[in-house]
């Protein structure tokens, strides 16, 4: 479980394909503090630490993850948002994030507001019932509040701190980002559908 509050930016140092999987060696400031089998969110994707060596660690994305996320587009040098799993004693400053990405969204408009940045994204219409005005979304692992929600688009505003401390500052028009919709909303929608079927 994560909160969507980014701890550090890491770097992809090596990428290699084996069968239908892609593995990455990641450099991070906290690599030496990690242990094999721990979970770390990478741009919002929960991946398991497999090996640790000299400030680098290895993770692998399987086919299902590659289909639903932007990890297949990562190359050497890519800057990735990192968050270690939530401690039970920690404050929940963002929202409950599982690290299970639902889909990607595409950046369509970037507007510099002279102190903040207004970003608009398009996303698959089939997920429109999982996002609400002033609700939460996890974008590349960052907990954000959404507005101007339409059937296929939504907007967010990035404050200076988030801009400086995450990889959102590198976004360009047509860049894909990983999206995880709010877990509570998913349960509500599922139960609503079950109730309708029962009636």
N, C-alpha and C. Protein backbone atom coordinates (compact mmCIF):
# COMPACT_ATOMS: atom_id res chain seq x y z
N UNK A 1 0.84 -1.19 0.00
CA UNK A 1 0.00 0.00 0.00
C UNK A 1 0.89 1.25 0.00
N UNK A 2 0.44 2.26 -0.76
CA UNK A 2 1.21 3.50 -0.90
C UNK A 2 0.29 4.69 -0.67
N UNK A 3 0.87 5.90 -0.71
CA UNK A 3 0.08 7.10 -0.46
C UNK A 3 0.05 8.08 -1.63
N UNK A 4 0.93 7.88 -2.61
CA UNK A 4 1.00 8.83 -3.72
C UNK A 4 1.86 10.04 -3.41
N UNK A 5 2.66 9.97 -2.35
CA UNK A 5 3.61 11.04 -2.02
C UNK A 5 5.00 10.55 -2.41
N UNK A 6 5.58 11.14 -3.44
CA UNK A 6 6.83 10.65 -4.00
C UNK A 6 8.00 10.91 -3.05
N UNK A 7 8.80 9.87 -2.86
CA UNK A 7 9.93 9.94 -1.94
C UNK A 7 11.21 10.38 -2.64
N UNK A 8 11.39 9.96 -3.88
CA UNK A 8 12.63 10.22 -4.60
C UNK A 8 12.43 9.98 -6.09
N UNK A 9 13.31 10.55 -6.89
CA UNK A 9 13.35 10.23 -8.31
C UNK A 9 14.54 9.32 -8.56
N UNK A 10 14.28 8.18 -9.20
CA UNK A 10 15.34 7.25 -9.55
C UNK A 10 15.60 7.29 -11.04
N UNK A 11 16.57 6.50 -11.48
CA UNK A 11 16.97 6.50 -12.88
C UNK A 11 17.07 5.07 -13.40
N UNK A 12 16.52 4.84 -14.58
CA UNK A 12 16.68 3.54 -15.23
C UNK A 12 18.10 3.48 -15.78
N UNK A 13 18.88 2.53 -15.31
CA UNK A 13 20.26 2.39 -15.76
C UNK A 13 20.41 1.30 -16.81
N UNK A 14 19.54 0.31 -16.77
CA UNK A 14 19.61 -0.76 -17.77
C UNK A 14 18.23 -1.38 -17.94
N UNK A 15 17.93 -1.75 -19.16
CA UNK A 15 16.66 -2.39 -19.49
C UNK A 15 16.96 -3.60 -20.35
N UNK A 16 16.37 -4.74 -20.00
CA UNK A 16 16.57 -5.91 -20.85
C UNK A 16 15.31 -6.76 -20.89
N UNK A 17 15.08 -7.35 -22.05
CA UNK A 17 13.88 -8.14 -22.32
C UNK A 17 14.21 -9.61 -22.20
N UNK A 18 13.34 -10.35 -21.52
CA UNK A 18 13.47 -11.80 -21.44
C UNK A 18 12.09 -12.41 -21.61
N UNK A 19 11.86 -13.02 -22.78
CA UNK A 19 10.54 -13.54 -23.07
C UNK A 19 9.54 -12.41 -23.17
N UNK A 20 8.44 -12.53 -22.44
CA UNK A 20 7.41 -11.48 -22.45
C UNK A 20 7.61 -10.46 -21.33
N UNK A 21 8.68 -10.60 -20.56
CA UNK A 21 8.95 -9.70 -19.44
C UNK A 21 10.02 -8.67 -19.81
N UNK A 22 10.01 -7.55 -19.09
CA UNK A 22 11.09 -6.57 -19.19
C UNK A 22 11.61 -6.30 -17.78
N UNK A 23 12.91 -6.40 -17.61
CA UNK A 23 13.54 -6.11 -16.32
C UNK A 23 14.31 -4.80 -16.40
N UNK A 24 14.42 -4.13 -15.25
CA UNK A 24 15.11 -2.84 -15.18
C UNK A 24 16.06 -2.86 -13.99
N UNK A 25 17.24 -2.27 -14.18
CA UNK A 25 18.12 -1.93 -13.07
C UNK A 25 17.90 -0.44 -12.78
N UNK A 26 17.52 -0.15 -11.54
CA UNK A 26 17.18 1.21 -11.13
C UNK A 26 18.21 1.73 -10.14
N UNK A 27 18.63 2.97 -10.33
CA UNK A 27 19.50 3.65 -9.37
C UNK A 27 18.64 4.58 -8.52
N UNK A 28 18.80 4.51 -7.20
CA UNK A 28 18.02 5.40 -6.33
C UNK A 28 18.83 5.76 -5.10
N UNK A 29 18.40 6.81 -4.41
CA UNK A 29 19.09 7.26 -3.21
C UNK A 29 18.92 6.29 -2.05
N UNK A 30 17.86 5.48 -2.08
CA UNK A 30 17.62 4.58 -0.96
C UNK A 30 17.85 3.10 -1.31
N UNK A 31 18.58 2.84 -2.40
CA UNK A 31 18.83 1.44 -2.81
C UNK A 31 19.46 0.62 -1.69
N UNK A 32 20.40 1.23 -0.96
CA UNK A 32 21.11 0.49 0.09
C UNK A 32 20.21 0.14 1.27
N UNK A 33 19.05 0.80 1.39
CA UNK A 33 18.12 0.55 2.49
C UNK A 33 17.09 -0.52 2.15
N UNK A 34 17.06 -0.93 0.90
CA UNK A 34 16.06 -1.89 0.45
C UNK A 34 16.47 -3.31 0.77
N UNK A 35 15.48 -4.20 0.73
CA UNK A 35 15.71 -5.63 0.88
C UNK A 35 15.00 -6.36 -0.26
N UNK A 36 15.57 -7.49 -0.65
CA UNK A 36 14.92 -8.31 -1.66
C UNK A 36 13.53 -8.72 -1.17
N UNK A 37 12.54 -8.70 -2.06
CA UNK A 37 11.13 -9.03 -1.81
C UNK A 37 10.31 -7.83 -1.34
N UNK A 38 10.94 -6.68 -1.10
CA UNK A 38 10.16 -5.49 -0.74
C UNK A 38 9.47 -4.93 -1.99
N UNK A 39 8.41 -4.16 -1.74
CA UNK A 39 7.66 -3.53 -2.83
C UNK A 39 7.97 -2.05 -2.89
N UNK A 40 8.19 -1.55 -4.09
CA UNK A 40 8.40 -0.12 -4.32
C UNK A 40 7.53 0.30 -5.50
N UNK A 41 6.88 1.45 -5.38
CA UNK A 41 6.07 1.97 -6.48
C UNK A 41 6.95 2.75 -7.44
N UNK A 42 6.90 2.38 -8.72
CA UNK A 42 7.69 3.01 -9.78
C UNK A 42 6.72 3.69 -10.74
N UNK A 43 6.67 5.03 -10.71
CA UNK A 43 5.64 5.75 -11.48
C UNK A 43 4.26 5.17 -11.18
N UNK A 44 4.05 4.77 -9.92
CA UNK A 44 2.76 4.26 -9.49
C UNK A 44 2.57 2.78 -9.69
N UNK A 45 3.57 2.08 -10.20
CA UNK A 45 3.47 0.64 -10.44
C UNK A 45 4.22 -0.11 -9.34
N UNK A 46 3.52 -0.96 -8.61
CA UNK A 46 4.13 -1.74 -7.55
C UNK A 46 4.98 -2.85 -8.15
N UNK A 47 6.29 -2.82 -7.89
CA UNK A 47 7.21 -3.84 -8.39
C UNK A 47 8.04 -4.38 -7.24
N UNK A 48 8.40 -5.66 -7.32
CA UNK A 48 9.14 -6.34 -6.26
C UNK A 48 10.64 -6.27 -6.50
N UNK A 49 11.39 -5.94 -5.45
CA UNK A 49 12.85 -5.90 -5.54
C UNK A 49 13.38 -7.33 -5.66
N UNK A 50 14.15 -7.59 -6.72
CA UNK A 50 14.67 -8.93 -6.97
C UNK A 50 16.15 -9.07 -6.62
N UNK A 51 16.93 -8.05 -6.90
CA UNK A 51 18.36 -8.05 -6.60
C UNK A 51 18.78 -6.64 -6.22
N UNK A 52 19.84 -6.53 -5.43
CA UNK A 52 20.41 -5.24 -5.05
C UNK A 52 21.92 -5.32 -5.21
N UNK A 53 22.51 -4.32 -5.86
CA UNK A 53 23.95 -4.39 -6.11
C UNK A 53 24.53 -2.99 -6.33
N UNK A 54 25.38 -2.54 -5.40
CA UNK A 54 26.14 -1.29 -5.55
C UNK A 54 25.28 -0.07 -5.91
N UNK A 55 24.21 0.15 -5.14
CA UNK A 55 23.37 1.33 -5.36
C UNK A 55 22.31 1.16 -6.43
N UNK A 56 22.22 -0.04 -6.98
CA UNK A 56 21.21 -0.34 -7.99
C UNK A 56 20.34 -1.50 -7.51
N UNK A 57 19.14 -1.59 -8.01
CA UNK A 57 18.32 -2.75 -7.73
C UNK A 57 17.55 -3.14 -8.99
N UNK A 58 17.15 -4.39 -9.01
CA UNK A 58 16.48 -4.94 -10.19
C UNK A 58 15.02 -5.24 -9.91
N UNK A 59 14.16 -4.87 -10.86
CA UNK A 59 12.74 -5.20 -10.82
C UNK A 59 12.33 -5.72 -12.20
N UNK A 60 11.23 -6.46 -12.23
CA UNK A 60 10.74 -7.01 -13.50
C UNK A 60 9.26 -6.72 -13.66
N UNK A 61 8.89 -6.30 -14.86
CA UNK A 61 7.48 -6.07 -15.21
C UNK A 61 7.03 -7.19 -16.12
N UNK A 62 5.92 -7.84 -15.76
CA UNK A 62 5.39 -8.94 -16.57
C UNK A 62 4.43 -8.39 -17.62
N UNK A 63 3.96 -9.27 -18.48
CA UNK A 63 3.15 -8.88 -19.62
C UNK A 63 1.92 -8.05 -19.23
N UNK A 64 1.20 -8.47 -18.20
CA UNK A 64 0.00 -7.75 -17.77
C UNK A 64 0.33 -6.32 -17.39
N UNK A 65 1.44 -6.12 -16.70
CA UNK A 65 1.87 -4.78 -16.30
C UNK A 65 2.26 -3.95 -17.52
N UNK A 66 2.96 -4.55 -18.45
CA UNK A 66 3.42 -3.83 -19.65
C UNK A 66 2.25 -3.39 -20.51
N UNK A 67 1.18 -4.18 -20.55
CA UNK A 67 0.00 -3.83 -21.35
C UNK A 67 -0.70 -2.60 -20.79
N UNK A 68 -0.78 -2.49 -19.46
CA UNK A 68 -1.59 -1.45 -18.83
C UNK A 68 -0.81 -0.19 -18.45
N UNK A 69 0.51 -0.20 -18.59
CA UNK A 69 1.32 0.92 -18.11
C UNK A 69 2.23 1.46 -19.21
N UNK A 70 3.02 2.47 -18.84
CA UNK A 70 3.97 3.04 -19.80
C UNK A 70 5.38 2.45 -19.64
N UNK A 71 5.54 1.40 -18.85
CA UNK A 71 6.86 0.85 -18.59
C UNK A 71 7.55 0.34 -19.85
N UNK A 72 6.76 -0.12 -20.81
CA UNK A 72 7.35 -0.63 -22.06
C UNK A 72 8.09 0.47 -22.82
N UNK A 73 7.77 1.74 -22.51
CA UNK A 73 8.41 2.87 -23.20
C UNK A 73 9.66 3.38 -22.48
N UNK A 74 9.95 2.86 -21.29
CA UNK A 74 11.10 3.33 -20.53
C UNK A 74 12.39 2.97 -21.26
N UNK A 75 13.34 3.88 -21.20
CA UNK A 75 14.66 3.64 -21.79
C UNK A 75 15.71 4.02 -20.75
N UNK A 76 16.95 3.67 -21.02
CA UNK A 76 18.05 4.02 -20.12
C UNK A 76 18.09 5.53 -19.90
N UNK A 77 18.15 5.94 -18.63
CA UNK A 77 18.15 7.36 -18.29
C UNK A 77 16.80 7.90 -17.91
N UNK A 78 15.73 7.12 -18.13
CA UNK A 78 14.38 7.58 -17.77
C UNK A 78 14.32 7.88 -16.28
N UNK A 79 13.72 9.00 -15.94
CA UNK A 79 13.59 9.42 -14.54
C UNK A 79 12.24 8.94 -14.01
N UNK A 80 12.27 8.15 -12.95
CA UNK A 80 11.07 7.48 -12.45
C UNK A 80 10.76 7.92 -11.02
N UNK A 81 9.47 8.19 -10.76
CA UNK A 81 9.01 8.53 -9.42
C UNK A 81 9.01 7.28 -8.55
N UNK A 82 9.59 7.39 -7.36
CA UNK A 82 9.69 6.24 -6.46
C UNK A 82 9.03 6.53 -5.12
N UNK A 83 8.32 5.52 -4.61
CA UNK A 83 7.75 5.59 -3.26
C UNK A 83 7.83 4.21 -2.63
N UNK A 84 8.42 4.14 -1.44
CA UNK A 84 8.42 2.88 -0.71
C UNK A 84 7.06 2.66 -0.06
N UNK A 85 6.78 1.43 0.30
CA UNK A 85 5.46 1.09 0.84
C UNK A 85 5.20 1.81 2.16
N UNK A 86 3.93 2.00 2.44
CA UNK A 86 3.46 2.75 3.60
C UNK A 86 3.76 2.00 4.90
N UNK A 87 4.29 2.73 5.88
CA UNK A 87 4.43 2.19 7.24
C UNK A 87 3.12 2.42 7.99
N UNK A 88 2.74 1.50 8.84
CA UNK A 88 1.49 1.65 9.59
C UNK A 88 1.51 2.86 10.51
N UNK A 89 2.71 3.33 10.86
CA UNK A 89 2.83 4.49 11.74
C UNK A 89 2.88 5.81 10.98
N UNK A 90 2.80 5.77 9.64
CA UNK A 90 2.95 6.98 8.83
C UNK A 90 1.63 7.73 8.69
N UNK A 91 1.73 9.04 8.46
CA UNK A 91 0.56 9.83 8.11
C UNK A 91 0.18 9.55 6.67
N UNK A 92 -1.11 9.52 6.40
CA UNK A 92 -1.58 9.30 5.04
C UNK A 92 -1.79 10.67 4.39
N UNK A 93 -0.72 11.25 3.83
CA UNK A 93 -0.79 12.60 3.29
C UNK A 93 -1.44 12.64 1.91
N UNK A 94 -1.45 11.53 1.19
CA UNK A 94 -2.08 11.49 -0.14
C UNK A 94 -3.42 10.78 -0.04
N UNK A 95 -3.52 9.61 -0.70
CA UNK A 95 -4.70 8.76 -0.56
C UNK A 95 -4.26 7.31 -0.70
N UNK A 96 -5.15 6.38 -0.42
CA UNK A 96 -4.78 4.96 -0.52
C UNK A 96 -4.48 4.59 -1.96
N UNK A 97 -3.25 4.14 -2.21
CA UNK A 97 -2.79 3.75 -3.54
C UNK A 97 -2.26 2.33 -3.46
N UNK A 98 -2.72 1.47 -4.36
CA UNK A 98 -2.30 0.07 -4.33
C UNK A 98 -1.06 -0.21 -5.18
N UNK A 99 -0.79 0.65 -6.14
CA UNK A 99 0.29 0.37 -7.06
C UNK A 99 -0.15 -0.52 -8.21
N UNK A 100 -1.47 -0.63 -8.41
CA UNK A 100 -2.05 -1.44 -9.47
C UNK A 100 -2.66 -0.50 -10.51
N UNK A 101 -1.91 -0.22 -11.54
CA UNK A 101 -2.31 0.77 -12.56
C UNK A 101 -3.48 0.24 -13.38
N UNK A 102 -4.46 1.11 -13.61
CA UNK A 102 -5.65 0.74 -14.39
C UNK A 102 -5.46 0.96 -15.88
N UNK A 103 -4.77 2.04 -16.24
CA UNK A 103 -4.61 2.37 -17.65
C UNK A 103 -3.57 3.49 -17.77
N UNK A 104 -3.33 3.91 -18.98
CA UNK A 104 -2.51 5.10 -19.20
C UNK A 104 -3.41 6.24 -19.67
N UNK A 105 -2.98 7.45 -19.42
CA UNK A 105 -3.65 8.64 -19.94
C UNK A 105 -2.60 9.42 -20.74
N UNK A 106 -3.07 10.24 -21.66
CA UNK A 106 -2.16 10.98 -22.54
C UNK A 106 -2.28 12.47 -22.28
N UNK A 107 -1.16 13.12 -22.06
CA UNK A 107 -1.14 14.57 -21.82
C UNK A 107 -1.52 15.30 -23.11
N UNK A 108 -2.52 16.16 -23.03
CA UNK A 108 -3.00 16.87 -24.21
C UNK A 108 -2.70 18.37 -24.18
N UNK A 109 -2.74 18.95 -22.99
CA UNK A 109 -2.50 20.40 -22.88
C UNK A 109 -1.65 20.67 -21.64
N UNK A 110 -0.63 21.49 -21.78
CA UNK A 110 0.18 21.95 -20.66
C UNK A 110 0.15 23.47 -20.65
N UNK A 111 -0.37 24.04 -19.55
CA UNK A 111 -0.47 25.49 -19.45
C UNK A 111 0.31 25.99 -18.24
N UNK A 112 1.30 26.83 -18.49
CA UNK A 112 2.08 27.43 -17.41
C UNK A 112 1.28 28.57 -16.82
N UNK A 113 0.92 28.44 -15.53
CA UNK A 113 0.10 29.44 -14.86
C UNK A 113 0.94 30.41 -14.02
N UNK A 114 2.23 30.54 -14.34
CA UNK A 114 3.12 31.45 -13.64
C UNK A 114 3.15 31.15 -12.13
N UNK A 115 3.52 29.93 -11.81
CA UNK A 115 3.59 29.51 -10.41
C UNK A 115 2.99 28.13 -10.20
N UNK A 116 2.19 27.69 -11.15
CA UNK A 116 1.66 26.33 -11.14
C UNK A 116 1.47 25.90 -12.59
N UNK A 117 1.15 24.64 -12.77
CA UNK A 117 1.00 24.10 -14.12
C UNK A 117 -0.32 23.36 -14.23
N UNK A 118 -1.11 23.74 -15.23
CA UNK A 118 -2.42 23.15 -15.47
C UNK A 118 -2.26 22.13 -16.60
N UNK A 119 -2.54 20.85 -16.30
CA UNK A 119 -2.37 19.78 -17.27
C UNK A 119 -3.70 19.12 -17.56
N UNK A 120 -3.98 18.86 -18.82
CA UNK A 120 -5.19 18.16 -19.22
C UNK A 120 -4.81 16.85 -19.91
N UNK A 121 -5.54 15.78 -19.56
CA UNK A 121 -5.25 14.45 -20.05
C UNK A 121 -6.48 13.81 -20.67
N UNK A 122 -6.25 12.97 -21.66
CA UNK A 122 -7.32 12.11 -22.19
C UNK A 122 -7.09 10.71 -21.65
N UNK A 123 -8.18 9.96 -21.46
CA UNK A 123 -8.09 8.61 -20.94
C UNK A 123 -9.23 7.78 -21.52
N UNK A 124 -9.15 6.44 -21.44
CA UNK A 124 -10.20 5.60 -22.03
C UNK A 124 -11.57 5.84 -21.39
N UNK A 125 -12.57 6.04 -22.21
CA UNK A 125 -13.92 6.37 -21.74
C UNK A 125 -14.49 5.32 -20.81
N UNK A 126 -14.08 4.06 -20.96
CA UNK A 126 -14.65 2.98 -20.14
C UNK A 126 -14.33 3.15 -18.66
N UNK A 127 -13.37 4.03 -18.33
CA UNK A 127 -13.03 4.27 -16.93
C UNK A 127 -13.69 5.54 -16.37
N UNK A 128 -14.57 6.16 -17.14
CA UNK A 128 -15.13 7.46 -16.75
C UNK A 128 -15.94 7.40 -15.46
N UNK A 129 -16.50 6.22 -15.13
CA UNK A 129 -17.29 6.12 -13.90
C UNK A 129 -16.43 5.96 -12.66
N UNK A 130 -15.11 5.96 -12.82
CA UNK A 130 -14.21 5.80 -11.68
C UNK A 130 -13.53 7.11 -11.28
N UNK A 131 -13.90 8.20 -11.93
CA UNK A 131 -13.25 9.48 -11.64
C UNK A 131 -14.31 10.54 -11.44
N UNK A 132 -14.18 11.33 -10.39
CA UNK A 132 -15.18 12.34 -10.06
C UNK A 132 -14.50 13.70 -9.85
N UNK A 133 -15.30 14.74 -10.01
CA UNK A 133 -14.81 16.11 -9.78
C UNK A 133 -14.30 16.25 -8.35
N UNK A 134 -13.08 16.78 -8.22
CA UNK A 134 -12.39 16.98 -6.94
C UNK A 134 -12.05 15.66 -6.24
N UNK A 135 -12.07 14.57 -7.00
CA UNK A 135 -11.65 13.28 -6.46
C UNK A 135 -10.15 13.11 -6.60
N UNK A 136 -9.66 11.96 -6.17
CA UNK A 136 -8.22 11.68 -6.22
C UNK A 136 -7.89 10.73 -7.35
N UNK A 137 -6.71 10.93 -7.93
CA UNK A 137 -6.17 10.00 -8.92
C UNK A 137 -4.68 9.89 -8.66
N UNK A 138 -4.12 8.73 -8.96
CA UNK A 138 -2.68 8.55 -8.83
C UNK A 138 -2.08 8.56 -10.23
N UNK A 139 -1.22 9.54 -10.50
CA UNK A 139 -0.62 9.73 -11.82
C UNK A 139 0.89 9.58 -11.72
N UNK A 140 1.43 8.56 -12.40
CA UNK A 140 2.86 8.26 -12.28
C UNK A 140 3.28 8.18 -10.81
N UNK A 141 2.36 7.66 -9.99
CA UNK A 141 2.65 7.49 -8.57
C UNK A 141 2.37 8.70 -7.71
N UNK A 142 1.90 9.80 -8.30
CA UNK A 142 1.66 11.05 -7.57
C UNK A 142 0.17 11.20 -7.28
N UNK A 143 -0.18 11.40 -6.02
CA UNK A 143 -1.56 11.64 -5.62
C UNK A 143 -1.97 13.06 -6.00
N UNK A 144 -3.00 13.17 -6.85
CA UNK A 144 -3.45 14.47 -7.33
C UNK A 144 -4.97 14.59 -7.26
N UNK A 145 -5.45 15.83 -7.16
CA UNK A 145 -6.88 16.12 -7.20
C UNK A 145 -7.27 16.49 -8.63
N UNK A 146 -8.36 15.93 -9.11
CA UNK A 146 -8.78 16.17 -10.50
C UNK A 146 -9.93 17.16 -10.56
N UNK A 147 -10.04 17.86 -11.69
CA UNK A 147 -11.17 18.75 -11.94
C UNK A 147 -11.43 18.79 -13.44
N UNK A 148 -12.48 19.51 -13.83
CA UNK A 148 -12.89 19.55 -15.24
C UNK A 148 -13.03 18.13 -15.80
N UNK A 149 -13.68 17.27 -15.02
CA UNK A 149 -13.81 15.86 -15.41
C UNK A 149 -14.88 15.71 -16.48
N UNK A 150 -14.50 15.11 -17.59
CA UNK A 150 -15.42 14.80 -18.69
C UNK A 150 -15.40 13.29 -18.90
N UNK A 151 -16.12 12.83 -19.92
CA UNK A 151 -16.16 11.39 -20.20
C UNK A 151 -14.80 10.82 -20.59
N UNK A 152 -13.97 11.64 -21.23
CA UNK A 152 -12.69 11.14 -21.71
C UNK A 152 -11.51 12.04 -21.37
N UNK A 153 -11.73 13.10 -20.59
CA UNK A 153 -10.64 13.99 -20.22
C UNK A 153 -10.80 14.45 -18.76
N UNK A 154 -9.69 14.85 -18.18
CA UNK A 154 -9.69 15.47 -16.86
C UNK A 154 -8.46 16.37 -16.77
N UNK A 155 -8.47 17.25 -15.77
CA UNK A 155 -7.34 18.16 -15.57
C UNK A 155 -6.81 18.06 -14.15
N UNK A 156 -5.56 18.43 -13.98
CA UNK A 156 -4.94 18.52 -12.66
C UNK A 156 -4.08 19.78 -12.64
N UNK A 157 -3.78 20.28 -11.45
CA UNK A 157 -2.85 21.39 -11.29
C UNK A 157 -1.66 20.90 -10.49
N UNK A 158 -0.47 21.20 -10.97
CA UNK A 158 0.76 20.79 -10.30
C UNK A 158 1.35 21.99 -9.58
N UNK A 159 1.52 21.87 -8.27
CA UNK A 159 2.12 22.95 -7.49
C UNK A 159 3.64 22.91 -7.64
N UNK A 160 4.33 24.00 -7.32
CA UNK A 160 5.79 24.04 -7.51
C UNK A 160 6.56 22.91 -6.83
N UNK A 161 6.19 22.55 -5.60
CA UNK A 161 6.93 21.49 -4.91
C UNK A 161 6.82 20.17 -5.66
N UNK A 162 5.61 19.81 -6.06
CA UNK A 162 5.40 18.57 -6.80
C UNK A 162 6.12 18.62 -8.14
N UNK A 163 6.08 19.77 -8.79
CA UNK A 163 6.76 19.95 -10.08
C UNK A 163 8.26 19.69 -9.94
N UNK A 164 8.86 20.22 -8.89
CA UNK A 164 10.30 20.12 -8.72
C UNK A 164 10.75 18.75 -8.23
N UNK A 165 9.89 18.03 -7.52
CA UNK A 165 10.31 16.79 -6.86
C UNK A 165 9.77 15.52 -7.51
N UNK A 166 9.16 15.63 -8.69
CA UNK A 166 8.67 14.44 -9.40
C UNK A 166 9.04 14.54 -10.87
N UNK A 167 8.78 13.47 -11.61
CA UNK A 167 9.08 13.50 -13.04
C UNK A 167 7.98 14.16 -13.87
N UNK A 168 6.96 14.72 -13.21
CA UNK A 168 5.91 15.41 -13.96
C UNK A 168 6.45 16.65 -14.67
N UNK A 169 7.56 17.18 -14.20
CA UNK A 169 8.14 18.36 -14.85
C UNK A 169 8.69 18.03 -16.23
N UNK A 170 8.87 16.75 -16.53
CA UNK A 170 9.39 16.35 -17.84
C UNK A 170 8.29 16.02 -18.84
N UNK A 171 7.03 16.13 -18.40
CA UNK A 171 5.93 15.80 -19.30
C UNK A 171 5.89 16.72 -20.51
N UNK A 172 5.53 16.15 -21.63
CA UNK A 172 5.29 16.91 -22.85
C UNK A 172 3.95 16.48 -23.43
N UNK A 173 3.42 17.26 -24.34
CA UNK A 173 2.18 16.88 -25.00
C UNK A 173 2.38 15.54 -25.69
N UNK A 174 1.41 14.66 -25.54
CA UNK A 174 1.40 13.29 -26.08
C UNK A 174 2.19 12.29 -25.25
N UNK A 175 2.75 12.73 -24.10
CA UNK A 175 3.39 11.78 -23.19
C UNK A 175 2.33 10.95 -22.47
N UNK A 176 2.60 9.64 -22.33
CA UNK A 176 1.70 8.76 -21.59
C UNK A 176 2.11 8.72 -20.12
N UNK A 177 1.10 8.70 -19.24
CA UNK A 177 1.34 8.55 -17.81
C UNK A 177 0.51 7.38 -17.29
N UNK A 178 0.96 6.79 -16.18
CA UNK A 178 0.23 5.70 -15.55
C UNK A 178 -0.86 6.26 -14.64
N UNK A 179 -2.04 5.65 -14.71
CA UNK A 179 -3.18 6.12 -13.92
C UNK A 179 -3.73 4.98 -13.07
N UNK A 180 -3.86 5.24 -11.77
CA UNK A 180 -4.61 4.35 -10.88
C UNK A 180 -5.76 5.15 -10.29
N UNK A 181 -6.98 4.69 -10.55
CA UNK A 181 -8.15 5.37 -10.02
C UNK A 181 -8.36 4.99 -8.55
N UNK A 182 -9.15 5.78 -7.85
CA UNK A 182 -9.33 5.61 -6.42
C UNK A 182 -9.93 4.24 -6.09
N UNK A 183 -9.28 3.54 -5.17
CA UNK A 183 -9.68 2.19 -4.79
C UNK A 183 -11.10 2.15 -4.22
N UNK A 184 -11.47 3.12 -3.41
CA UNK A 184 -12.79 3.13 -2.80
C UNK A 184 -13.87 3.28 -3.88
N UNK A 185 -13.60 4.13 -4.88
CA UNK A 185 -14.53 4.29 -5.98
C UNK A 185 -14.73 3.00 -6.75
N UNK A 186 -13.68 2.22 -6.90
CA UNK A 186 -13.79 0.93 -7.61
C UNK A 186 -14.72 -0.02 -6.88
N UNK A 187 -14.58 -0.09 -5.55
CA UNK A 187 -15.44 -0.97 -4.77
C UNK A 187 -16.90 -0.52 -4.82
N UNK A 188 -17.11 0.80 -4.76
CA UNK A 188 -18.48 1.31 -4.83
C UNK A 188 -19.11 0.96 -6.17
N UNK A 189 -18.38 1.15 -7.26
CA UNK A 189 -18.92 0.85 -8.59
C UNK A 189 -19.20 -0.63 -8.75
N UNK A 190 -18.32 -1.48 -8.22
CA UNK A 190 -18.54 -2.93 -8.33
C UNK A 190 -19.78 -3.34 -7.56
N UNK A 191 -19.94 -2.83 -6.34
CA UNK A 191 -21.11 -3.18 -5.54
C UNK A 191 -22.39 -2.65 -6.15
N UNK A 192 -22.31 -1.47 -6.78
CA UNK A 192 -23.48 -0.90 -7.46
C UNK A 192 -23.93 -1.82 -8.59
N UNK A 193 -22.96 -2.33 -9.36
CA UNK A 193 -23.30 -3.22 -10.47
C UNK A 193 -23.89 -4.51 -9.97
N UNK A 194 -23.36 -5.04 -8.86
CA UNK A 194 -23.90 -6.28 -8.30
C UNK A 194 -25.32 -6.09 -7.79
N UNK A 195 -25.58 -4.93 -7.17
CA UNK A 195 -26.93 -4.65 -6.67
C UNK A 195 -27.93 -4.55 -7.83
N UNK A 196 -27.50 -3.91 -8.91
CA UNK A 196 -28.38 -3.78 -10.07
C UNK A 196 -28.73 -5.15 -10.64
N UNK A 197 -27.73 -6.04 -10.69
CA UNK A 197 -27.97 -7.40 -11.19
C UNK A 197 -28.93 -8.15 -10.29
N UNK A 198 -28.80 -7.96 -8.97
CA UNK A 198 -29.66 -8.65 -8.00
C UNK A 198 -31.10 -8.18 -8.12
N UNK A 199 -31.28 -6.87 -8.43
CA UNK A 199 -32.63 -6.32 -8.55
C UNK A 199 -33.26 -6.78 -9.85
